Amino acid sequence: MTDGLIFIYFEISGVDQVTLAGIFRTFIDGLEDYTVDSRGDIGAIVRESAMYSIQVLTNTSQPDLLEADLIRSVLHAVTKQSWMKVMRLDTYRKAVITGLASSIGSLTESL
């Protein structure tokens, strides 16, 4: 599912700031999914996919399209996950925070 969403994103030419923010916010919402059913913690799959998608978008987005409020929201959501005991997501958390830190380097004037 995640790969399909990323593929669709990259097939759209000229993604604007509003669209990109909407995509990020959708993935941020996915970090809050704690669905559990008879199969187990289904929300973990959603959270992992959301974290991976944020990582990909963070590392491939044009930094000038990332608003300061959006970066704060992503950092808040990712650090909130860091405090959760969801150990499977550690690899993605590190990659997202590293990618955001790199992006912030060119955005320090706007922060």
PDB file of N, CA and C in Angstrom:
ATOM      1  N   MET A   1       0.818  -1.187   0.000  1.00  0.00           N
ATOM      2  CA  MET A   1       0.000   0.000   0.000  1.00  0.00           C
ATOM      3  C   MET A   1       0.863   1.252   0.000  1.00  0.00           C
ATOM      4  N   THR A   2       1.846   1.324   0.852  1.00  0.00           N
ATOM      5  CA  THR A   2       2.700   2.501   0.931  1.00  0.00           C
ATOM      6  C   THR A   2       3.394   2.770  -0.391  1.00  0.00           C
ATOM      7  N   ASP A   3       3.948   1.732  -0.993  1.00  0.00           N
ATOM      8  CA  ASP A   3       4.652   1.921  -2.255  1.00  0.00           C
ATOM      9  C   ASP A   3       3.731   2.495  -3.312  1.00  0.00           C
ATOM     10  N   GLY A   4       2.472   2.080  -3.324  1.00  0.00           N
ATOM     11  CA  GLY A   4       1.501   2.608  -4.281  1.00  0.00           C
ATOM     12  C   GLY A   4       1.248   4.080  -4.061  1.00  0.00           C
ATOM     13  N   LEU A   5       1.154   4.491  -2.798  1.00  0.00           N
ATOM     14  CA  LEU A   5       0.934   5.897  -2.503  1.00  0.00           C
ATOM     15  C   LEU A   5       2.128   6.738  -2.922  1.00  0.00           C
ATOM     16  N   ILE A   6       3.320   6.262  -2.647  1.00  0.00           N
ATOM     17  CA  ILE A   6       4.515   6.993  -3.041  1.00  0.00           C
ATOM     18  C   ILE A   6       4.600   7.069  -4.559  1.00  0.00           C
ATOM     19  N   PHE A   7       4.285   5.979  -5.232  1.00  0.00           N
ATOM     20  CA  PHE A   7       4.322   5.958  -6.691  1.00  0.00           C
ATOM     21  C   PHE A   7       3.363   6.997  -7.254  1.00  0.00           C
ATOM     22  N   ILE A   8       2.144   7.057  -6.708  1.00  0.00           N
ATOM     23  CA  ILE A   8       1.167   8.041  -7.172  1.00  0.00           C
ATOM     24  C   ILE A   8       1.703   9.443  -6.948  1.00  0.00           C
ATOM     25  N   TYR A   9       2.299   9.700  -5.791  1.00  0.00           N
ATOM     26  CA  TYR A   9       2.842  11.020  -5.487  1.00  0.00           C
ATOM     27  C   TYR A   9       3.864  11.450  -6.526  1.00  0.00           C
ATOM     28  N   PHE A  10       4.762  10.555  -6.886  1.00  0.00           N
ATOM     29  CA  PHE A  10       5.810  10.927  -7.821  1.00  0.00           C
ATOM     30  C   PHE A  10       5.329  10.989  -9.260  1.00  0.00           C
ATOM     31  N   GLU A  11       4.178  10.408  -9.548  1.00  0.00           N
ATOM     32  CA  GLU A  11       3.627  10.497 -10.895  1.00  0.00           C
ATOM     33  C   GLU A  11       2.932  11.838 -11.118  1.00  0.00           C
ATOM     34  N   ILE A  12       2.604  12.544 -10.049  1.00  0.00           N
ATOM     35  CA  ILE A  12       1.952  13.845 -10.165  1.00  0.00           C
ATOM     36  C   ILE A  12       3.038  14.890 -10.367  1.00  0.00           C
ATOM     37  N   SER A  13       2.982  15.586 -11.482  1.00  0.00           N
ATOM     38  CA  SER A  13       4.006  16.603 -11.729  1.00  0.00           C
ATOM     39  C   SER A  13       3.567  17.927 -11.120  1.00  0.00           C
ATOM     40  N   GLY A  14       4.517  18.652 -10.586  1.00  0.00           N
ATOM     41  CA  GLY A  14       4.245  19.973 -10.037  1.00  0.00           C
ATOM     42  C   GLY A  14       3.400  19.963  -8.777  1.00  0.00           C
ATOM     43  N   VAL A  15       3.683  19.073  -7.841  1.00  0.00           N
ATOM     44  CA  VAL A  15       2.948  19.042  -6.578  1.00  0.00           C
ATOM     45  C   VAL A  15       3.210  20.345  -5.845  1.00  0.00           C
ATOM     46  N   ASP A  16       2.124  20.985  -5.424  1.00  0.00           N
ATOM     47  CA  ASP A  16       2.287  22.260  -4.731  1.00  0.00           C
ATOM     48  C   ASP A  16       2.379  22.048  -3.219  1.00  0.00           C
ATOM     49  N   GLN A  17       2.622  23.146  -2.514  1.00  0.00           N
ATOM     50  CA  GLN A  17       2.838  23.102  -1.075  1.00  0.00           C
ATOM     51  C   GLN A  17       1.609  22.575  -0.328  1.00  0.00           C
ATOM     52  N   VAL A  18       0.421  22.978  -0.758  1.00  0.00           N
ATOM     53  CA  VAL A  18      -0.813  22.559  -0.092  1.00  0.00           C
ATOM     54  C   VAL A  18      -1.032  21.055  -0.253  1.00  0.00           C
ATOM     55  N   THR A  19      -0.818  20.550  -1.459  1.00  0.00           N
ATOM     56  CA  THR A  19      -0.985  19.114  -1.713  1.00  0.00           C
ATOM     57  C   THR A  19       0.022  18.304  -0.915  1.00  0.00           C
ATOM     58  N   LEU A  20       1.281  18.749  -0.917  1.00  0.00           N
ATOM     59  CA  LEU A  20       2.316  18.046  -0.170  1.00  0.00           C
ATOM     60  C   LEU A  20       1.990  18.031   1.322  1.00  0.00           C
ATOM     61  N   ALA A  21       1.521  19.164   1.847  1.00  0.00           N
ATOM     62  CA  ALA A  21       1.143  19.225   3.261  1.00  0.00           C
ATOM     63  C   ALA A  21       0.007  18.253   3.558  1.00  0.00           C
ATOM     64  N   GLY A  22      -0.959  18.144   2.646  1.00  0.00           N
ATOM     65  CA  GLY A  22      -2.061  17.203   2.824  1.00  0.00           C
ATOM     66  C   GLY A  22      -1.583  15.763   2.860  1.00  0.00           C
ATOM     67  N   ILE A  23      -0.625  15.449   2.002  1.00  0.00           N
ATOM     68  CA  ILE A  23      -0.059  14.095   1.980  1.00  0.00           C
ATOM     69  C   ILE A  23       0.652  13.810   3.302  1.00  0.00           C
ATOM     70  N   PHE A  24       1.475  14.766   3.756  1.00  0.00           N
ATOM     71  CA  PHE A  24       2.173  14.593   5.032  1.00  0.00           C
ATOM     72  C   PHE A  24       1.171  14.415   6.173  1.00  0.00           C
ATOM     73  N   ARG A  25       0.118  15.236   6.193  1.00  0.00           N
ATOM     74  CA  ARG A  25      -0.851  15.166   7.294  1.00  0.00           C
ATOM     75  C   ARG A  25      -1.594  13.828   7.306  1.00  0.00           C
ATOM     76  N   THR A  26      -1.851  13.287   6.129  1.00  0.00           N
ATOM     77  CA  THR A  26      -2.476  11.965   6.055  1.00  0.00           C
ATOM     78  C   THR A  26      -1.573  10.914   6.692  1.00  0.00           C
ATOM     79  N   PHE A  27      -0.280  10.991   6.398  1.00  0.00           N
ATOM     80  CA  PHE A  27       0.661  10.040   6.989  1.00  0.00           C
ATOM     81  C   PHE A  27       0.823  10.283   8.488  1.00  0.00           C
ATOM     82  N   ILE A  28       0.790  11.545   8.910  1.00  0.00           N
ATOM     83  CA  ILE A  28       0.854  11.854  10.344  1.00  0.00           C
ATOM     84  C   ILE A  28      -0.347  11.224  11.054  1.00  0.00           C
ATOM     85  N   ASP A  29      -1.528  11.324  10.443  1.00  0.00           N
ATOM     86  CA  ASP A  29      -2.717  10.686  11.025  1.00  0.00           C
ATOM     87  C   ASP A  29      -2.519   9.179  11.154  1.00  0.00           C
ATOM     88  N   GLY A  30      -1.833   8.584  10.191  1.00  0.00           N
ATOM     89  CA  GLY A  30      -1.564   7.144  10.235  1.00  0.00           C
ATOM     90  C   GLY A  30      -0.713   6.737  11.422  1.00  0.00           C
ATOM     91  N   LEU A  31       0.093   7.671  11.930  1.00  0.00           N
ATOM     92  CA  LEU A  31       0.921   7.378  13.105  1.00  0.00           C
ATOM     93  C   LEU A  31       0.080   7.217  14.368  1.00  0.00           C
ATOM     94  N   GLU A  32      -1.176   7.632  14.301  1.00  0.00           N
ATOM     95  CA  GLU A  32      -2.077   7.538  15.454  1.00  0.00           C
ATOM     96  C   GLU A  32      -3.000   6.324  15.382  1.00  0.00           C
ATOM     97  N   ASP A  33      -2.780   5.434  14.443  1.00  0.00           N
ATOM     98  CA  ASP A  33      -3.661   4.271  14.272  1.00  0.00           C
ATOM     99  C   ASP A  33      -3.228   3.144  15.206  1.00  0.00           C
ATOM    100  N   TYR A  34      -4.098   2.818  16.139  1.00  0.00           N
ATOM    101  CA  TYR A  34      -3.821   1.741  17.092  1.00  0.00           C
ATOM    102  C   TYR A  34      -4.890   0.652  17.005  1.00  0.00           C
ATOM    103  N   THR A  35      -5.351   0.373  15.794  1.00  0.00           N
ATOM    104  CA  THR A  35      -6.382  -0.639  15.576  1.00  0.00           C
ATOM    105  C   THR A  35      -5.867  -2.026  15.961  1.00  0.00           C
ATOM    106  N   VAL A  36      -6.670  -2.726  16.753  1.00  0.00           N
ATOM    107  CA  VAL A  36      -6.375  -4.113  17.119  1.00  0.00           C
ATOM    108  C   VAL A  36      -7.637  -4.919  16.840  1.00  0.00           C
ATOM    109  N   ASP A  37      -7.481  -6.021  16.150  1.00  0.00           N
ATOM    110  CA  ASP A  37      -8.614  -6.913  15.916  1.00  0.00           C
ATOM    111  C   ASP A  37      -8.168  -8.351  16.140  1.00  0.00           C
ATOM    112  N   SER A  38      -8.946  -9.293  15.664  1.00  0.00           N
ATOM    113  CA  SER A  38      -8.634 -10.706  15.907  1.00  0.00           C
ATOM    114  C   SER A  38      -7.291 -11.125  15.313  1.00  0.00           C
ATOM    115  N   ARG A  39      -6.795 -10.356  14.353  1.00  0.00           N
ATOM    116  CA  ARG A  39      -5.493 -10.671  13.741  1.00  0.00           C
ATOM    117  C   ARG A  39      -4.330 -10.073  14.520  1.00  0.00           C
ATOM    118  N   GLY A  40      -4.617  -9.202  15.456  1.00  0.00           N
ATOM    119  CA  GLY A  40      -3.559  -8.591  16.246  1.00  0.00           C
ATOM    120  C   GLY A  40      -3.500  -7.088  16.051  1.00  0.00           C
ATOM    121  N   ASP A  41      -2.327  -6.523  16.221  1.00  0.00           N
ATOM    122  CA  ASP A  41      -2.104  -5.079  16.146  1.00  0.00           C
ATOM    123  C   ASP A  41      -1.995  -4.640  14.686  1.00  0.00           C
ATOM    124  N   ILE A  42      -3.130  -4.426  14.059  1.00  0.00           N
ATOM    125  CA  ILE A  42      -3.164  -3.988  12.667  1.00  0.00           C
ATOM    126  C   ILE A  42      -2.646  -2.554  12.557  1.00  0.00           C
ATOM    127  N   GLY A  43      -2.880  -1.757  13.595  1.00  0.00           N
ATOM    128  CA  GLY A  43      -2.397  -0.383  13.600  1.00  0.00           C
ATOM    129  C   GLY A  43      -0.886  -0.296  13.447  1.00  0.00           C
ATOM    130  N   ALA A  44      -0.164  -1.309  13.919  1.00  0.00           N
ATOM    131  CA  ALA A  44       1.301  -1.305  13.783  1.00  0.00           C
ATOM    132  C   ALA A  44       1.708  -1.299  12.319  1.00  0.00           C
ATOM    133  N   ILE A  45       0.954  -2.003  11.487  1.00  0.00           N
ATOM    134  CA  ILE A  45       1.251  -2.022  10.052  1.00  0.00           C
ATOM    135  C   ILE A  45       1.010  -0.638   9.461  1.00  0.00           C
ATOM    136  N   VAL A  46      -0.083  -0.005   9.874  1.00  0.00           N
ATOM    137  CA  VAL A  46      -0.404   1.337   9.388  1.00  0.00           C
ATOM    138  C   VAL A  46       0.650   2.328   9.861  1.00  0.00           C
ATOM    139  N   ARG A  47       1.023   2.250  11.142  1.00  0.00           N
ATOM    140  CA  ARG A  47       2.035   3.171  11.677  1.00  0.00           C
ATOM    141  C   ARG A  47       3.371   2.994  10.968  1.00  0.00           C
ATOM    142  N   GLU A  48       3.766   1.750  10.734  1.00  0.00           N
ATOM    143  CA  GLU A  48       5.031   1.495  10.049  1.00  0.00           C
ATOM    144  C   GLU A  48       4.992   2.031   8.618  1.00  0.00           C
ATOM    145  N   SER A  49       3.891   1.826   7.935  1.00  0.00           N
ATOM    146  CA  SER A  49       3.754   2.336   6.568  1.00  0.00           C
ATOM    147  C   SER A  49       3.772   3.859   6.548  1.00  0.00           C
ATOM    148  N   ALA A  50       3.109   4.470   7.520  1.00  0.00           N
ATOM    149  CA  ALA A  50       3.099   5.931   7.604  1.00  0.00           C
ATOM    150  C   ALA A  50       4.506   6.467   7.864  1.00  0.00           C
ATOM    151  N   MET A  51       5.223   5.830   8.777  1.00  0.00           N
ATOM    152  CA  MET A  51       6.586   6.260   9.094  1.00  0.00           C
ATOM    153  C   MET A  51       7.488   6.127   7.869  1.00  0.00           C
ATOM    154  N   TYR A  52       7.380   5.017   7.162  1.00  0.00           N
ATOM    155  CA  TYR A  52       8.177   4.806   5.955  1.00  0.00           C
ATOM    156  C   TYR A  52       7.843   5.868   4.905  1.00  0.00           C
ATOM    157  N   SER A  53       6.563   6.151   4.737  1.00  0.00           N
ATOM    158  CA  SER A  53       6.142   7.140   3.741  1.00  0.00           C
ATOM    159  C   SER A  53       6.655   8.530   4.090  1.00  0.00           C
ATOM    160  N   ILE A  54       6.608   8.880   5.368  1.00  0.00           N
ATOM    161  CA  ILE A  54       7.149  10.170   5.801  1.00  0.00           C
ATOM    162  C   ILE A  54       8.643  10.220   5.520  1.00  0.00           C
ATOM    163  N   GLN A  55       9.330   9.120   5.773  1.00  0.00           N
ATOM    164  CA  GLN A  55      10.771   9.057   5.492  1.00  0.00           C
ATOM    165  C   GLN A  55      11.041   9.323   4.017  1.00  0.00           C
ATOM    166  N   VAL A  56      10.313   8.648   3.143  1.00  0.00           N
ATOM    167  CA  VAL A  56      10.521   8.811   1.701  1.00  0.00           C
ATOM    168  C   VAL A  56      10.212  10.244   1.279  1.00  0.00           C
ATOM    169  N   LEU A  57       9.090  10.784   1.734  1.00  0.00           N
ATOM    170  CA  LEU A  57       8.731  12.157   1.362  1.00  0.00           C
ATOM    171  C   LEU A  57       9.742  13.163   1.890  1.00  0.00           C
ATOM    172  N   THR A  58      10.203  12.947   3.107  1.00  0.00           N
ATOM    173  CA  THR A  58      11.176  13.862   3.704  1.00  0.00           C
ATOM    174  C   THR A  58      12.481  13.873   2.924  1.00  0.00           C
ATOM    175  N   ASN A  59      12.896  12.718   2.479  1.00  0.00           N
ATOM    176  CA  ASN A  59      14.173  12.617   1.769  1.00  0.00           C
ATOM    177  C   ASN A  59      14.089  13.004   0.304  1.00  0.00           C
ATOM    178  N   THR A  60      12.889  13.106  -0.254  1.00  0.00           N
ATOM    179  CA  THR A  60      12.760  13.391  -1.680  1.00  0.00           C
ATOM    180  C   THR A  60      12.032  14.689  -1.984  1.00  0.00           C
ATOM    181  N   SER A  61      11.438  15.321  -0.991  1.00  0.00           N
ATOM    182  CA  SER A  61      10.693  16.555  -1.229  1.00  0.00           C
ATOM    183  C   SER A  61      11.636  17.727  -1.420  1.00  0.00           C
ATOM    184  N   GLN A  62      11.138  18.710  -2.124  1.00  0.00           N
ATOM    185  CA  GLN A  62      11.899  19.946  -2.269  1.00  0.00           C
ATOM    186  C   GLN A  62      11.794  20.703  -0.949  1.00  0.00           C
ATOM    187  N   PRO A  63      12.914  21.049  -0.336  1.00  0.00           N
ATOM    188  CA  PRO A  63      12.880  21.698   0.977  1.00  0.00           C
ATOM    189  C   PRO A  63      12.048  22.976   1.013  1.00  0.00           C
ATOM    190  N   ASP A  64      11.993  23.707  -0.102  1.00  0.00           N
ATOM    191  CA  ASP A  64      11.229  24.951  -0.098  1.00  0.00           C
ATOM    192  C   ASP A  64       9.718  24.710  -0.022  1.00  0.00           C
ATOM    193  N   LEU A  65       9.270  23.483  -0.234  1.00  0.00           N
ATOM    194  CA  LEU A  65       7.846  23.163  -0.112  1.00  0.00           C
ATOM    195  C   LEU A  65       7.460  22.754   1.305  1.00  0.00           C
ATOM    196  N   LEU A  66       8.445  22.560   2.167  1.00  0.00           N
ATOM    197  CA  LEU A  66       8.177  22.124   3.539  1.00  0.00           C
ATOM    198  C   LEU A  66       8.079  23.344   4.449  1.00  0.00           C
ATOM    199  N   GLU A  67       6.853  23.682   4.846  1.00  0.00           N
ATOM    200  CA  GLU A  67       6.634  24.816   5.733  1.00  0.00           C
ATOM    201  C   GLU A  67       7.092  24.481   7.151  1.00  0.00           C
ATOM    202  N   ALA A  68       7.439  25.521   7.895  1.00  0.00           N
ATOM    203  CA  ALA A  68       7.910  25.335   9.268  1.00  0.00           C
ATOM    204  C   ALA A  68       6.866  24.616  10.126  1.00  0.00           C
ATOM    205  N   ASP A  69       5.581  24.984   9.991  1.00  0.00           N
ATOM    206  CA  ASP A  69       4.532  24.324  10.778  1.00  0.00           C
ATOM    207  C   ASP A  69       4.416  22.846  10.434  1.00  0.00           C
ATOM    208  N   LEU A  70       4.591  22.523   9.168  1.00  0.00           N
ATOM    209  CA  LEU A  70       4.533  21.125   8.748  1.00  0.00           C
ATOM    210  C   LEU A  70       5.702  20.342   9.341  1.00  0.00           C
ATOM    211  N   ILE A  71       6.885  20.925   9.301  1.00  0.00           N
ATOM    212  CA  ILE A  71       8.062  20.273   9.880  1.00  0.00           C
ATOM    213  C   ILE A  71       7.854  20.046  11.375  1.00  0.00           C
ATOM    214  N   ARG A  72       7.308  21.059  12.057  1.00  0.00           N
ATOM    215  CA  ARG A  72       7.027  20.904  13.492  1.00  0.00           C
ATOM    216  C   ARG A  72       6.040  19.760  13.737  1.00  0.00           C
ATOM    217  N   SER A  73       4.995  19.691  12.910  1.00  0.00           N
ATOM    218  CA  SER A  73       3.997  18.625  13.063  1.00  0.00           C
ATOM    219  C   SER A  73       4.615  17.248  12.864  1.00  0.00           C
ATOM    220  N   VAL A  74       5.452  17.132  11.842  1.00  0.00           N
ATOM    221  CA  VAL A  74       6.105  15.850  11.574  1.00  0.00           C
ATOM    222  C   VAL A  74       7.043  15.496  12.726  1.00  0.00           C
ATOM    223  N   LEU A  75       7.854  16.454  13.155  1.00  0.00           N
ATOM    224  CA  LEU A  75       8.768  16.189  14.273  1.00  0.00           C
ATOM    225  C   LEU A  75       7.999  15.805  15.534  1.00  0.00           C
ATOM    226  N   HIS A  76       6.900  16.490  15.801  1.00  0.00           N
ATOM    227  CA  HIS A  76       6.089  16.172  16.979  1.00  0.00           C
ATOM    228  C   HIS A  76       5.553  14.749  16.891  1.00  0.00           C
ATOM    229  N   ALA A  77       4.995  14.395  15.741  1.00  0.00           N
ATOM    230  CA  ALA A  77       4.423  13.052  15.570  1.00  0.00           C
ATOM    231  C   ALA A  77       5.488  11.968  15.680  1.00  0.00           C
ATOM    232  N   VAL A  78       6.644  12.221  15.087  1.00  0.00           N
ATOM    233  CA  VAL A  78       7.716  11.214  15.109  1.00  0.00           C
ATOM    234  C   VAL A  78       8.304  11.087  16.512  1.00  0.00           C
ATOM    235  N   THR A  79       8.521  12.215  17.185  1.00  0.00           N
ATOM    236  CA  THR A  79       9.072  12.128  18.541  1.00  0.00           C
ATOM    237  C   THR A  79       8.055  11.517  19.497  1.00  0.00           C
ATOM    238  N   LYS A  80       6.776  11.759  19.259  1.00  0.00           N
ATOM    239  CA  LYS A  80       5.745  11.106  20.076  1.00  0.00           C
ATOM    240  C   LYS A  80       5.853   9.596  19.914  1.00  0.00           C
ATOM    241  N   GLN A  81       6.054   9.152  18.692  1.00  0.00           N
ATOM    242  CA  GLN A  81       6.241   7.722  18.449  1.00  0.00           C
ATOM    243  C   GLN A  81       7.499   7.215  19.150  1.00  0.00           C
ATOM    244  N   SER A  82       8.511   8.068  19.243  1.00  0.00           N
ATOM    245  CA  SER A  82       9.754   7.660  19.898  1.00  0.00           C
ATOM    246  C   SER A  82       9.521   7.316  21.363  1.00  0.00           C
ATOM    247  N   TRP A  83       8.561   7.955  21.969  1.00  0.00           N
ATOM    248  CA  TRP A  83       8.282   7.693  23.372  1.00  0.00           C
ATOM    249  C   TRP A  83       7.400   6.467  23.555  1.00  0.00           C
ATOM    250  N   MET A  84       6.767   6.028  22.476  1.00  0.00           N
ATOM    251  CA  MET A  84       5.931   4.827  22.544  1.00  0.00           C
ATOM    252  C   MET A  84       6.835   3.596  22.552  1.00  0.00           C
ATOM    253  N   LYS A  85       6.311   2.516  23.027  1.00  0.00           N
ATOM    254  CA  LYS A  85       7.088   1.277  23.034  1.00  0.00           C
ATOM    255  C   LYS A  85       6.755   0.463  21.799  1.00  0.00           C
ATOM    256  N   VAL A  86       7.051   1.065  20.661  1.00  0.00           N
ATOM    257  CA  VAL A  86       6.822   0.415  19.373  1.00  0.00           C
ATOM    258  C   VAL A  86       8.204   0.218  18.763  1.00  0.00           C
ATOM    259  N   MET A  87       8.910  -0.762  19.252  1.00  0.00           N
ATOM    260  CA  MET A  87      10.320  -0.925  18.919  1.00  0.00           C
ATOM    261  C   MET A  87      10.579  -1.207  17.440  1.00  0.00           C
ATOM    262  N   ARG A  88       9.612  -1.749  16.716  1.00  0.00           N
ATOM    263  CA  ARG A  88       9.827  -2.069  15.302  1.00  0.00           C
ATOM    264  C   ARG A  88      10.070  -0.826  14.456  1.00  0.00           C
ATOM    265  N   LEU A  89       9.666   0.340  14.922  1.00  0.00           N
ATOM    266  CA  LEU A  89       9.718   1.535  14.092  1.00  0.00           C
ATOM    267  C   LEU A  89      10.990   2.358  14.281  1.00  0.00           C
ATOM    268  N   ASP A  90      11.905   1.913  15.130  1.00  0.00           N
ATOM    269  CA  ASP A  90      13.095   2.704  15.420  1.00  0.00           C
ATOM    270  C   ASP A  90      13.891   3.077  14.177  1.00  0.00           C
ATOM    271  N   THR A  91      14.035   2.181  13.235  1.00  0.00           N
ATOM    272  CA  THR A  91      14.800   2.458  12.017  1.00  0.00           C
ATOM    273  C   THR A  91      14.192   3.619  11.255  1.00  0.00           C
ATOM    274  N   TYR A  92      12.871   3.631  11.140  1.00  0.00           N
ATOM    275  CA  TYR A  92      12.203   4.687  10.392  1.00  0.00           C
ATOM    276  C   TYR A  92      12.258   6.017  11.138  1.00  0.00           C
ATOM    277  N   ARG A  93      12.083   5.983  12.473  1.00  0.00           N
ATOM    278  CA  ARG A  93      12.155   7.225  13.246  1.00  0.00           C
ATOM    279  C   ARG A  93      13.483   7.926  13.012  1.00  0.00           C
ATOM    280  N   LYS A  94      14.568   7.178  13.097  1.00  0.00           N
ATOM    281  CA  LYS A  94      15.899   7.758  12.905  1.00  0.00           C
ATOM    282  C   LYS A  94      16.024   8.364  11.512  1.00  0.00           C
ATOM    283  N   ALA A  95      15.561   7.664  10.496  1.00  0.00           N
ATOM    284  CA  ALA A  95      15.661   8.161   9.121  1.00  0.00           C
ATOM    285  C   ALA A  95      14.820   9.416   8.918  1.00  0.00           C
ATOM    286  N   VAL A  96      13.622   9.459   9.508  1.00  0.00           N
ATOM    287  CA  VAL A  96      12.761  10.632   9.363  1.00  0.00           C
ATOM    288  C   VAL A  96      13.388  11.833  10.050  1.00  0.00           C
ATOM    289  N   ILE A  97      13.854  11.654  11.277  1.00  0.00           N
ATOM    290  CA  ILE A  97      14.446  12.776  12.009  1.00  0.00           C
ATOM    291  C   ILE A  97      15.704  13.264  11.306  1.00  0.00           C
ATOM    292  N   THR A  98      16.533  12.364  10.802  1.00  0.00           N
ATOM    293  CA  THR A  98      17.733  12.749  10.061  1.00  0.00           C
ATOM    294  C   THR A  98      17.366  13.519   8.801  1.00  0.00           C
ATOM    295  N   GLY A  99      16.367  13.039   8.069  1.00  0.00           N
ATOM    296  CA  GLY A  99      15.929  13.722   6.854  1.00  0.00           C
ATOM    297  C   GLY A  99      15.382  15.103   7.141  1.00  0.00           C
ATOM    298  N   LEU A 100      14.592  15.228   8.210  1.00  0.00           N
ATOM    299  CA  LEU A 100      14.054  16.538   8.574  1.00  0.00           C
ATOM    300  C   LEU A 100      15.164  17.480   9.008  1.00  0.00           C
ATOM    301  N   ALA A 101      16.124  16.963   9.754  1.00  0.00           N
ATOM    302  CA  ALA A 101      17.244  17.801  10.177  1.00  0.00           C
ATOM    303  C   ALA A 101      18.002  18.328   8.966  1.00  0.00           C
ATOM    304  N   SER A 102      18.174  17.506   7.960  1.00  0.00           N
ATOM    305  CA  SER A 102      18.844  17.944   6.733  1.00  0.00           C
ATOM    306  C   SER A 102      18.019  18.998   6.019  1.00  0.00           C
ATOM    307  N   SER A 103      16.700  18.799   5.964  1.00  0.00           N
ATOM    308  CA  SER A 103      15.823  19.755   5.298  1.00  0.00           C
ATOM    309  C   SER A 103      15.803  21.085   6.035  1.00  0.00           C
ATOM    310  N   ILE A 104      15.831  21.029   7.361  1.00  0.00           N
ATOM    311  CA  ILE A 104      15.779  22.250   8.160  1.00  0.00           C
ATOM    312  C   ILE A 104      16.998  23.122   7.901  1.00  0.00           C
ATOM    313  N   GLY A 105      18.115  22.514   7.573  1.00  0.00           N
ATOM    314  CA  GLY A 105      19.323  23.286   7.307  1.00  0.00           C
ATOM    315  C   GLY A 105      19.102  24.384   6.293  1.00  0.00           C
ATOM    316  N   SER A 106      18.279  24.137   5.282  1.00  0.00           N
ATOM    317  CA  SER A 106      18.025  25.158   4.273  1.00  0.00           C
ATOM    318  C   SER A 106      16.806  26.003   4.619  1.00  0.00           C
ATOM    319  N   LEU A 107      16.147  25.704   5.717  1.00  0.00           N
ATOM    320  CA  LEU A 107      14.942  26.438   6.088  1.00  0.00           C
ATOM    321  C   LEU A 107      15.111  27.264   7.359  1.00  0.00           C
ATOM    322  N   THR A 108      16.309  27.358   7.883  1.00  0.00           N
ATOM    323  CA  THR A 108      16.498  28.010   9.179  1.00  0.00           C
ATOM    324  C   THR A 108      16.010  29.453   9.181  1.00  0.00           C
ATOM    325  N   GLU A 109      16.046  30.113   8.050  1.00  0.00           N
ATOM    326  CA  GLU A 109      15.575  31.493   8.002  1.00  0.00           C
ATOM    327  C   GLU A 109      14.072  31.567   8.260  1.00  0.00           C
ATOM    328  N   SER A 110      13.317  30.569   7.809  1.00  0.00           N
ATOM    329  CA  SER A 110      11.863  30.601   7.963  1.00  0.00           C
ATOM    330  C   SER A 110      11.406  30.084   9.318  1.00  0.00           C
ATOM    331  N   LEU A 111      12.277  29.391  10.037  1.00  0.00           N
ATOM    332  CA  LEU A 111      11.906  28.890  11.362  1.00  0.00           C
ATOM    333  C   LEU A 111      12.116  29.991  12.357  1.00  0.00           C
TER     334      LEU A 111
END
